[in-house]
């Protein structure tokens, strides 16, 4: 088998400019999304705090996020009941 010499990659200024442009676009999108989320949470958070349930709003978003992740990966955290037929199957003597 023939061995070939390693390929050399050269970084050009055009590549760096393109990378910086894409990076700025992504950061701008992320900043807009965070502002939109904080604006929505801020207005909803005021009403929730007046009702006295400020902590429950953040807890529900965490649980829904966990549920979305579990659903996406196919994990079902509900354990099966530990009864004799489920532990040993249907054994007949």
PDB file of N, CA and C in Angstrom:
ATOM      1  N   UNK A   1       0.833  -1.164   0.000  1.00  0.00           N
ATOM      2  CA  UNK A   1       0.000   0.000   0.000  1.00  0.00           C
ATOM      3  C   UNK A   1       0.891   1.245   0.000  1.00  0.00           C
ATOM      4  N   UNK A   2       0.546   2.186  -0.847  1.00  0.00           N
ATOM      5  CA  UNK A   2       1.329   3.408  -0.953  1.00  0.00           C
ATOM      6  C   UNK A   2       0.902   4.412   0.105  1.00  0.00           C
ATOM      7  N   UNK A   3       1.868   5.049   0.666  1.00  0.00           N
ATOM      8  CA  UNK A   3       1.566   6.077   1.658  1.00  0.00           C
ATOM      9  C   UNK A   3       1.715   7.444   1.011  1.00  0.00           C
ATOM     10  N   UNK A   4       0.734   8.281   1.249  1.00  0.00           N
ATOM     11  CA  UNK A   4       0.809   9.599   0.645  1.00  0.00           C
ATOM     12  C   UNK A   4       1.166  10.628   1.712  1.00  0.00           C
ATOM     13  N   UNK A   5       1.782  11.686   1.294  1.00  0.00           N
ATOM     14  CA  UNK A   5       2.187  12.738   2.224  1.00  0.00           C
ATOM     15  C   UNK A   5       0.951  13.466   2.751  1.00  0.00           C
ATOM     16  N   UNK A   6       1.025  13.990   3.975  1.00  0.00           N
ATOM     17  CA  UNK A   6      -0.126  14.713   4.534  1.00  0.00           C
ATOM     18  C   UNK A   6      -0.490  15.932   3.681  1.00  0.00           C
ATOM     19  N   UNK A   7      -1.780  16.180   3.598  1.00  0.00           N
ATOM     20  CA  UNK A   7      -2.260  17.325   2.838  1.00  0.00           C
ATOM     21  C   UNK A   7      -2.126  18.580   3.690  1.00  0.00           C
ATOM     22  N   UNK A   8      -1.719  19.633   3.062  1.00  0.00           N
ATOM     23  CA  UNK A   8      -1.548  20.889   3.786  1.00  0.00           C
ATOM     24  C   UNK A   8      -2.731  21.799   3.481  1.00  0.00           C
ATOM     25  N   UNK A   9      -3.360  22.301   4.531  1.00  0.00           N
ATOM     26  CA  UNK A   9      -4.473  23.227   4.385  1.00  0.00           C
ATOM     27  C   UNK A   9      -3.990  24.629   4.716  1.00  0.00           C
ATOM     28  N   UNK A  10      -4.346  25.555   3.862  1.00  0.00           N
ATOM     29  CA  UNK A  10      -3.951  26.937   4.094  1.00  0.00           C
ATOM     30  C   UNK A  10      -5.181  27.765   4.416  1.00  0.00           C
ATOM     31  N   UNK A  11      -5.083  28.559   5.452  1.00  0.00           N
ATOM     32  CA  UNK A  11      -6.171  29.433   5.857  1.00  0.00           C
ATOM     33  C   UNK A  11      -5.990  30.779   5.169  1.00  0.00           C
ATOM     34  N   UNK A  12      -6.997  31.182   4.414  1.00  0.00           N
ATOM     35  CA  UNK A  12      -6.914  32.437   3.666  1.00  0.00           C
ATOM     36  C   UNK A  12      -7.724  33.515   4.379  1.00  0.00           C
ATOM     37  N   UNK A  13      -7.455  34.749   4.028  1.00  0.00           N
ATOM     38  CA  UNK A  13      -8.153  35.876   4.651  1.00  0.00           C
ATOM     39  C   UNK A  13      -9.631  35.837   4.304  1.00  0.00           C
ATOM     40  N   UNK A  14      -9.973  35.426   3.092  1.00  0.00           N
ATOM     41  CA  UNK A  14     -11.385  35.326   2.700  1.00  0.00           C
ATOM     42  C   UNK A  14     -12.125  34.342   3.599  1.00  0.00           C
ATOM     43  N   UNK A  15     -11.458  33.232   3.916  1.00  0.00           N
ATOM     44  CA  UNK A  15     -12.076  32.236   4.791  1.00  0.00           C
ATOM     45  C   UNK A  15     -12.325  32.814   6.184  1.00  0.00           C
ATOM     46  N   UNK A  16     -11.358  33.566   6.686  1.00  0.00           N
ATOM     47  CA  UNK A  16     -11.514  34.162   8.016  1.00  0.00           C
ATOM     48  C   UNK A  16     -12.633  35.196   8.020  1.00  0.00           C
ATOM     49  N   UNK A  17     -12.743  35.998   6.958  1.00  0.00           N
ATOM     50  CA  UNK A  17     -13.811  36.999   6.878  1.00  0.00           C
ATOM     51  C   UNK A  17     -15.177  36.330   6.819  1.00  0.00           C
ATOM     52  N   UNK A  18     -15.272  35.251   6.044  1.00  0.00           N
ATOM     53  CA  UNK A  18     -16.537  34.523   5.952  1.00  0.00           C
ATOM     54  C   UNK A  18     -16.916  33.932   7.311  1.00  0.00           C
ATOM     55  N   UNK A  19     -15.925  33.372   8.013  1.00  0.00           N
ATOM     56  CA  UNK A  19     -16.173  32.807   9.334  1.00  0.00           C
ATOM     57  C   UNK A  19     -16.664  33.878  10.301  1.00  0.00           C
ATOM     58  N   UNK A  20     -16.015  35.033  10.306  1.00  0.00           N
ATOM     59  CA  UNK A  20     -16.424  36.117  11.208  1.00  0.00           C
ATOM     60  C   UNK A  20     -17.846  36.583  10.895  1.00  0.00           C
ATOM     61  N   UNK A  21     -18.196  36.663   9.602  1.00  0.00           N
ATOM     62  CA  UNK A  21     -19.548  37.070   9.220  1.00  0.00           C
ATOM     63  C   UNK A  21     -20.596  36.091   9.705  1.00  0.00           C
ATOM     64  N   UNK A  22     -20.341  34.799   9.526  1.00  0.00           N
ATOM     65  CA  UNK A  22     -21.279  33.771   9.978  1.00  0.00           C
ATOM     66  C   UNK A  22     -21.387  33.787  11.496  1.00  0.00           C
ATOM     67  N   UNK A  23     -20.258  33.978  12.163  1.00  0.00           N
ATOM     68  CA  UNK A  23     -20.252  34.014  13.624  1.00  0.00           C
ATOM     69  C   UNK A  23     -21.079  35.191  14.145  1.00  0.00           C
ATOM     70  N   UNK A  24     -20.950  36.358  13.526  1.00  0.00           N
ATOM     71  CA  UNK A  24     -21.728  37.527  13.946  1.00  0.00           C
ATOM     72  C   UNK A  24     -23.214  37.299  13.716  1.00  0.00           C
ATOM     73  N   UNK A  25     -23.569  36.678  12.581  1.00  0.00           N
ATOM     74  CA  UNK A  25     -24.982  36.385  12.306  1.00  0.00           C
ATOM     75  C   UNK A  25     -25.569  35.466  13.367  1.00  0.00           C
ATOM     76  N   UNK A  26     -24.835  34.417  13.708  1.00  0.00           N
ATOM     77  CA  UNK A  26     -25.321  33.472  14.715  1.00  0.00           C
ATOM     78  C   UNK A  26     -25.465  34.138  16.082  1.00  0.00           C
ATOM     79  N   UNK A  27     -24.507  34.979  16.440  1.00  0.00           N
ATOM     80  CA  UNK A  27     -24.589  35.678  17.724  1.00  0.00           C
ATOM     81  C   UNK A  27     -25.772  36.642  17.750  1.00  0.00           C
ATOM     82  N   UNK A  28     -26.038  37.315  16.619  1.00  0.00           N
ATOM     83  CA  UNK A  28     -27.175  38.240  16.554  1.00  0.00           C
ATOM     84  C   UNK A  28     -28.488  37.479  16.697  1.00  0.00           C
ATOM     85  N   UNK A  29     -28.599  36.329  16.032  1.00  0.00           N
ATOM     86  CA  UNK A  29     -29.817  35.510  16.155  1.00  0.00           C
ATOM     87  C   UNK A  29     -30.008  35.037  17.591  1.00  0.00           C
ATOM     88  N   UNK A  30     -28.916  34.592  18.203  1.00  0.00           N
ATOM     89  CA  UNK A  30     -28.994  34.103  19.582  1.00  0.00           C
ATOM     90  C   UNK A  30     -29.417  35.231  20.522  1.00  0.00           C
ATOM     91  N   UNK A  31     -28.860  36.420  20.327  1.00  0.00           N
ATOM     92  CA  UNK A  31     -29.196  37.563  21.166  1.00  0.00           C
ATOM     93  C   UNK A  31     -30.669  37.935  20.998  1.00  0.00           C
ATOM     94  N   UNK A  32     -31.176  37.920  19.752  1.00  0.00           N
ATOM     95  CA  UNK A  32     -32.587  38.237  19.514  1.00  0.00           C
ATOM     96  C   UNK A  32     -33.496  37.214  20.176  1.00  0.00           C
ATOM     97  N   UNK A  33     -33.121  35.937  20.067  1.00  0.00           N
ATOM     98  CA  UNK A  33     -33.934  34.882  20.675  1.00  0.00           C
ATOM     99  C   UNK A  33     -33.953  35.028  22.193  1.00  0.00           C
ATOM    100  N   UNK A  34     -32.799  35.331  22.790  1.00  0.00           N
ATOM    101  CA  UNK A  34     -32.741  35.506  24.243  1.00  0.00           C
ATOM    102  C   UNK A  34     -33.557  36.719  24.688  1.00  0.00           C
ATOM    103  N   UNK A  35     -33.504  37.810  23.906  1.00  0.00           N
ATOM    104  CA  UNK A  35     -34.292  38.991  24.248  1.00  0.00           C
ATOM    105  C   UNK A  35     -35.780  38.700  24.144  1.00  0.00           C
ATOM    106  N   UNK A  36     -36.161  37.934  23.122  1.00  0.00           N
ATOM    107  CA  UNK A  36     -37.571  37.590  22.957  1.00  0.00           C
ATOM    108  C   UNK A  36     -38.046  36.707  24.108  1.00  0.00           C
ATOM    109  N   UNK A  37     -37.222  35.745  24.508  1.00  0.00           N
ATOM    110  CA  UNK A  37     -37.588  34.859  25.613  1.00  0.00           C
ATOM    111  C   UNK A  37     -37.635  35.629  26.928  1.00  0.00           C
ATOM    112  N   UNK A  38     -36.659  36.499  27.151  1.00  0.00           N
ATOM    113  CA  UNK A  38     -36.650  37.252  28.409  1.00  0.00           C
ATOM    114  C   UNK A  38     -37.796  38.251  28.441  1.00  0.00           C
ATOM    115  N   UNK A  39     -38.161  38.817  27.300  1.00  0.00           N
ATOM    116  CA  UNK A  39     -39.294  39.737  27.247  1.00  0.00           C
ATOM    117  C   UNK A  39     -40.590  39.022  27.532  1.00  0.00           C
ATOM    118  N   UNK A  40     -40.765  37.836  26.979  1.00  0.00           N
ATOM    119  CA  UNK A  40     -41.985  37.062  27.218  1.00  0.00           C
ATOM    120  C   UNK A  40     -42.029  36.569  28.658  1.00  0.00           C
ATOM    121  N   UNK A  41     -40.909  36.123  29.171  1.00  0.00           N
ATOM    122  CA  UNK A  41     -40.870  35.633  30.551  1.00  0.00           C
ATOM    123  C   UNK A  41     -41.020  36.785  31.531  1.00  0.00           C
ATOM    124  N   UNK A  42     -40.479  37.956  31.187  1.00  0.00           N
ATOM    125  CA  UNK A  42     -40.575  39.096  32.087  1.00  0.00           C
ATOM    126  C   UNK A  42     -42.003  39.560  32.252  1.00  0.00           C
ATOM    127  N   UNK A  43     -42.764  39.630  31.173  1.00  0.00           N
ATOM    128  CA  UNK A  43     -44.151  40.079  31.291  1.00  0.00           C
ATOM    129  C   UNK A  43     -45.009  39.021  31.961  1.00  0.00           C
ATOM    130  N   UNK A  44     -44.752  37.752  31.681  1.00  0.00           N
ATOM    131  CA  UNK A  44     -45.515  36.685  32.326  1.00  0.00           C
ATOM    132  C   UNK A  44     -45.076  36.525  33.779  1.00  0.00           C
ATOM    133  N   UNK A  45     -43.807  36.786  34.045  1.00  0.00           N
ATOM    134  CA  UNK A  45     -43.295  36.622  35.395  1.00  0.00           C
ATOM    135  C   UNK A  45     -43.892  37.610  36.366  1.00  0.00           C
ATOM    136  N   UNK A  46     -44.238  38.813  35.900  1.00  0.00           N
ATOM    137  CA  UNK A  46     -44.833  39.804  36.790  1.00  0.00           C
ATOM    138  C   UNK A  46     -46.193  39.325  37.274  1.00  0.00           C
ATOM    139  N   UNK A  47     -47.004  38.826  36.359  1.00  0.00           N
ATOM    140  CA  UNK A  47     -48.323  38.333  36.739  1.00  0.00           C
ATOM    141  C   UNK A  47     -48.231  37.121  37.639  1.00  0.00           C
ATOM    142  N   UNK A  48     -47.252  36.284  37.406  1.00  0.00           N
ATOM    143  CA  UNK A  48     -47.102  35.082  38.222  1.00  0.00           C
ATOM    144  C   UNK A  48     -46.622  35.458  39.614  1.00  0.00           C
ATOM    145  N   UNK A  49     -45.714  36.430  39.707  1.00  0.00           N
ATOM    146  CA  UNK A  49     -45.226  36.842  41.015  1.00  0.00           C
ATOM    147  C   UNK A  49     -46.333  37.478  41.842  1.00  0.00           C
ATOM    148  N   UNK A  50     -47.250  38.197  41.195  1.00  0.00           N
ATOM    149  CA  UNK A  50     -48.363  38.776  41.940  1.00  0.00           C
ATOM    150  C   UNK A  50     -49.258  37.695  42.514  1.00  0.00           C
ATOM    151  N   UNK A  51     -49.368  36.588  41.797  1.00  0.00           N
ATOM    152  CA  UNK A  51     -50.197  35.486  42.277  1.00  0.00           C
ATOM    153  C   UNK A  51     -49.469  34.673  43.340  1.00  0.00           C
ATOM    154  N   UNK A  52     -48.148  34.835  43.433  1.00  0.00           N
ATOM    155  CA  UNK A  52     -47.398  34.129  44.460  1.00  0.00           C
ATOM    156  C   UNK A  52     -46.832  32.800  44.002  1.00  0.00           C
ATOM    157  N   UNK A  53     -46.738  32.568  42.699  1.00  0.00           N
ATOM    158  CA  UNK A  53     -46.213  31.298  42.209  1.00  0.00           C
ATOM    159  C   UNK A  53     -45.048  31.476  41.272  1.00  0.00           C
ATOM    160  N   UNK A  54     -44.129  32.346  41.576  1.00  0.00           N
ATOM    161  CA  UNK A  54     -43.009  32.639  40.696  1.00  0.00           C
ATOM    162  C   UNK A  54     -42.113  31.447  40.444  1.00  0.00           C
ATOM    163  N   UNK A  55     -41.880  30.617  41.441  1.00  0.00           N
ATOM    164  CA  UNK A  55     -40.999  29.470  41.284  1.00  0.00           C
ATOM    165  C   UNK A  55     -41.646  28.379  40.456  1.00  0.00           C
ATOM    166  N   UNK A  56     -42.949  28.273  40.480  1.00  0.00           N
ATOM    167  CA  UNK A  56     -43.614  27.199  39.744  1.00  0.00           C
ATOM    168  C   UNK A  56     -43.532  27.413  38.245  1.00  0.00           C
ATOM    169  N   UNK A  57     -43.454  28.661  37.780  1.00  0.00           N
ATOM    170  CA  UNK A  57     -43.367  28.927  36.347  1.00  0.00           C
ATOM    171  C   UNK A  57     -42.055  28.403  35.788  1.00  0.00           C
ATOM    172  N   UNK A  58     -40.943  28.630  36.486  1.00  0.00           N
ATOM    173  CA  UNK A  58     -39.665  28.144  35.996  1.00  0.00           C
ATOM    174  C   UNK A  58     -39.572  26.630  36.135  1.00  0.00           C
ATOM    175  N   UNK A  59     -40.186  26.068  37.143  1.00  0.00           N
ATOM    176  CA  UNK A  59     -40.158  24.619  37.326  1.00  0.00           C
ATOM    177  C   UNK A  59     -40.932  23.918  36.217  1.00  0.00           C
ATOM    178  N   UNK A  60     -42.037  24.511  35.771  1.00  0.00           N
ATOM    179  CA  UNK A  60     -42.818  23.878  34.709  1.00  0.00           C
ATOM    180  C   UNK A  60     -42.065  23.901  33.392  1.00  0.00           C
ATOM    181  N   UNK A  61     -41.293  24.968  33.134  1.00  0.00           N
ATOM    182  CA  UNK A  61     -40.526  25.006  31.895  1.00  0.00           C
ATOM    183  C   UNK A  61     -39.401  23.987  31.924  1.00  0.00           C
ATOM    184  N   UNK A  62     -38.808  23.768  33.098  1.00  0.00           N
ATOM    185  CA  UNK A  62     -37.746  22.772  33.217  1.00  0.00           C
ATOM    186  C   UNK A  62     -38.312  21.373  32.990  1.00  0.00           C
ATOM    187  N   UNK A  63     -39.472  21.083  33.581  1.00  0.00           N
ATOM    188  CA  UNK A  63     -40.047  19.750  33.402  1.00  0.00           C
ATOM    189  C   UNK A  63     -40.478  19.539  31.963  1.00  0.00           C
ATOM    190  N   UNK A  64     -41.036  20.564  31.331  1.00  0.00           N
ATOM    191  CA  UNK A  64     -41.436  20.382  29.939  1.00  0.00           C
ATOM    192  C   UNK A  64     -40.211  20.181  29.061  1.00  0.00           C
ATOM    193  N   UNK A  65     -39.107  20.851  29.391  1.00  0.00           N
ATOM    194  CA  UNK A  65     -37.869  20.672  28.628  1.00  0.00           C
ATOM    195  C   UNK A  65     -37.353  19.246  28.793  1.00  0.00           C
ATOM    196  N   UNK A  66     -37.394  18.750  30.018  1.00  0.00           N
ATOM    197  CA  UNK A  66     -36.954  17.381  30.287  1.00  0.00           C
ATOM    198  C   UNK A  66     -37.852  16.390  29.555  1.00  0.00           C
ATOM    199  N   UNK A  67     -39.160  16.652  29.562  1.00  0.00           N
ATOM    200  CA  UNK A  67     -40.083  15.763  28.857  1.00  0.00           C
ATOM    201  C   UNK A  67     -39.820  15.768  27.360  1.00  0.00           C
ATOM    202  N   UNK A  68     -39.524  16.935  26.797  1.00  0.00           N
ATOM    203  CA  UNK A  68     -39.219  17.010  25.369  1.00  0.00           C
ATOM    204  C   UNK A  68     -37.963  16.219  25.031  1.00  0.00           C
ATOM    205  N   UNK A  69     -36.949  16.338  25.870  1.00  0.00           N
ATOM    206  CA  UNK A  69     -35.709  15.603  25.630  1.00  0.00           C
ATOM    207  C   UNK A  69     -35.954  14.110  25.743  1.00  0.00           C
ATOM    208  N   UNK A  70     -36.690  13.690  26.782  1.00  0.00           N
ATOM    209  CA  UNK A  70     -36.984  12.264  26.951  1.00  0.00           C
ATOM    210  C   UNK A  70     -37.771  11.723  25.773  1.00  0.00           C
ATOM    211  N   UNK A  71     -38.714  12.495  25.275  1.00  0.00           N
ATOM    212  CA  UNK A  71     -39.520  12.052  24.139  1.00  0.00           C
ATOM    213  C   UNK A  71     -38.658  11.942  22.887  1.00  0.00           C
ATOM    214  N   UNK A  72     -37.742  12.894  22.709  1.00  0.00           N
ATOM    215  CA  UNK A  72     -36.897  12.898  21.525  1.00  0.00           C
ATOM    216  C   UNK A  72     -35.968  11.684  21.491  1.00  0.00           C
ATOM    217  N   UNK A  73     -35.415  11.309  22.643  1.00  0.00           N
ATOM    218  CA  UNK A  73     -34.489  10.177  22.664  1.00  0.00           C
ATOM    219  C   UNK A  73     -35.186   8.852  22.903  1.00  0.00           C
ATOM    220  N   UNK A  74     -36.491   8.883  23.160  1.00  0.00           N
ATOM    221  CA  UNK A  74     -37.243   7.648  23.337  1.00  0.00           C
ATOM    222  C   UNK A  74     -37.184   7.075  24.735  1.00  0.00           C
ATOM    223  N   UNK A  75     -36.849   7.884  25.709  1.00  0.00           N
ATOM    224  CA  UNK A  75     -36.760   7.419  27.091  1.00  0.00           C
ATOM    225  C   UNK A  75     -38.105   7.592  27.766  1.00  0.00           C
ATOM    226  N   UNK A  76     -38.586   6.529  28.374  1.00  0.00           N
ATOM    227  CA  UNK A  76     -39.852   6.584  29.104  1.00  0.00           C
ATOM    228  C   UNK A  76     -39.555   6.306  30.573  1.00  0.00           C
ATOM    229  N   UNK A  77     -39.526   7.340  31.411  1.00  0.00           N
ATOM    230  CA  UNK A  77     -39.091   7.180  32.796  1.00  0.00           C
ATOM    231  C   UNK A  77     -40.105   6.531  33.722  1.00  0.00           C
ATOM    232  N   UNK A  78     -41.256   6.112  33.218  1.00  0.00           N
ATOM    233  CA  UNK A  78     -42.261   5.498  34.078  1.00  0.00           C
ATOM    234  C   UNK A  78     -41.887   4.036  34.321  1.00  0.00           C
ATOM    235  N   UNK A  79     -41.546   3.670  35.566  1.00  0.00           N
ATOM    236  CA  UNK A  79     -41.143   2.286  35.843  1.00  0.00           C
ATOM    237  C   UNK A  79     -42.338   1.340  35.795  1.00  0.00           C
ATOM    238  N   UNK A  80     -42.046   0.099  35.448  1.00  0.00           N
ATOM    239  CA  UNK A  80     -43.093  -0.919  35.454  1.00  0.00           C
ATOM    240  C   UNK A  80     -43.359  -1.331  36.896  1.00  0.00           C
ATOM    241  N   UNK A  81     -44.576  -1.703  37.215  1.00  0.00           N
ATOM    242  CA  UNK A  81     -44.856  -2.141  38.586  1.00  0.00           C
ATOM    243  C   UNK A  81     -44.130  -3.456  38.887  1.00  0.00           C
ATOM    244  N   UNK A  82     -43.625  -3.567  40.100  1.00  0.00           N
ATOM    245  CA  UNK A  82     -42.861  -4.745  40.497  1.00  0.00           C
ATOM    246  C   UNK A  82     -43.800  -5.793  41.090  1.00  0.00           C
ATOM    247  N   UNK A  83     -44.553  -6.449  40.248  1.00  0.00           N
ATOM    248  CA  UNK A  83     -45.417  -7.533  40.708  1.00  0.00           C
ATOM    249  C   UNK A  83     -44.775  -8.854  40.319  1.00  0.00           C
ATOM    250  N   UNK A  84     -45.218  -9.925  40.921  1.00  0.00           N
ATOM    251  CA  UNK A  84     -44.608 -11.224  40.653  1.00  0.00           C
ATOM    252  C   UNK A  84     -44.673 -11.628  39.178  1.00  0.00           C
ATOM    253  N   UNK A  85     -45.789 -11.480  38.484  1.00  0.00           N
ATOM    254  CA  UNK A  85     -45.781 -11.868  37.067  1.00  0.00           C
ATOM    255  C   UNK A  85     -44.801 -11.060  36.229  1.00  0.00           C
ATOM    256  N   UNK A  86     -44.586  -9.793  36.571  1.00  0.00           N
ATOM    257  CA  UNK A  86     -43.637  -9.014  35.783  1.00  0.00           C
ATOM    258  C   UNK A  86     -42.203  -9.384  36.119  1.00  0.00           C
ATOM    259  N   UNK A  87     -41.953  -9.824  37.353  1.00  0.00           N
ATOM    260  CA  UNK A  87     -40.594 -10.202  37.727  1.00  0.00           C
ATOM    261  C   UNK A  87     -40.213 -11.576  37.187  1.00  0.00           C
ATOM    262  N   UNK A  88     -41.124 -12.530  37.272  1.00  0.00           N
ATOM    263  CA  UNK A  88     -40.792 -13.904  36.922  1.00  0.00           C
ATOM    264  C   UNK A  88     -41.495 -14.401  35.672  1.00  0.00           C
ATOM    265  N   UNK A  89     -42.337 -13.599  35.070  1.00  0.00           N
ATOM    266  CA  UNK A  89     -43.070 -14.056  33.908  1.00  0.00           C
ATOM    267  C   UNK A  89     -44.223 -14.946  34.341  1.00  0.00           C
ATOM    268  N   UNK A  90     -44.741 -15.675  33.413  1.00  0.00           N
ATOM    269  CA  UNK A  90     -45.873 -16.555  33.748  1.00  0.00           C
ATOM    270  C   UNK A  90     -45.352 -17.980  33.913  1.00  0.00           C
ATOM    271  N   UNK A  91     -44.778 -18.241  35.072  1.00  0.00           N
ATOM    272  CA  UNK A  91     -44.267 -19.585  35.360  1.00  0.00           C
ATOM    273  C   UNK A  91     -45.412 -20.478  35.811  1.00  0.00           C
ATOM    274  N   UNK A  92     -45.452 -21.646  35.271  1.00  0.00           N
ATOM    275  CA  UNK A  92     -46.497 -22.601  35.649  1.00  0.00           C
ATOM    276  C   UNK A  92     -45.811 -23.828  36.231  1.00  0.00           C
ATOM    277  N   UNK A  93     -46.288 -24.281  37.364  1.00  0.00           N
ATOM    278  CA  UNK A  93     -45.701 -25.463  38.004  1.00  0.00           C
ATOM    279  C   UNK A  93     -46.605 -26.643  37.858  1.00  0.00           C
TER     280      UNK A  93
END
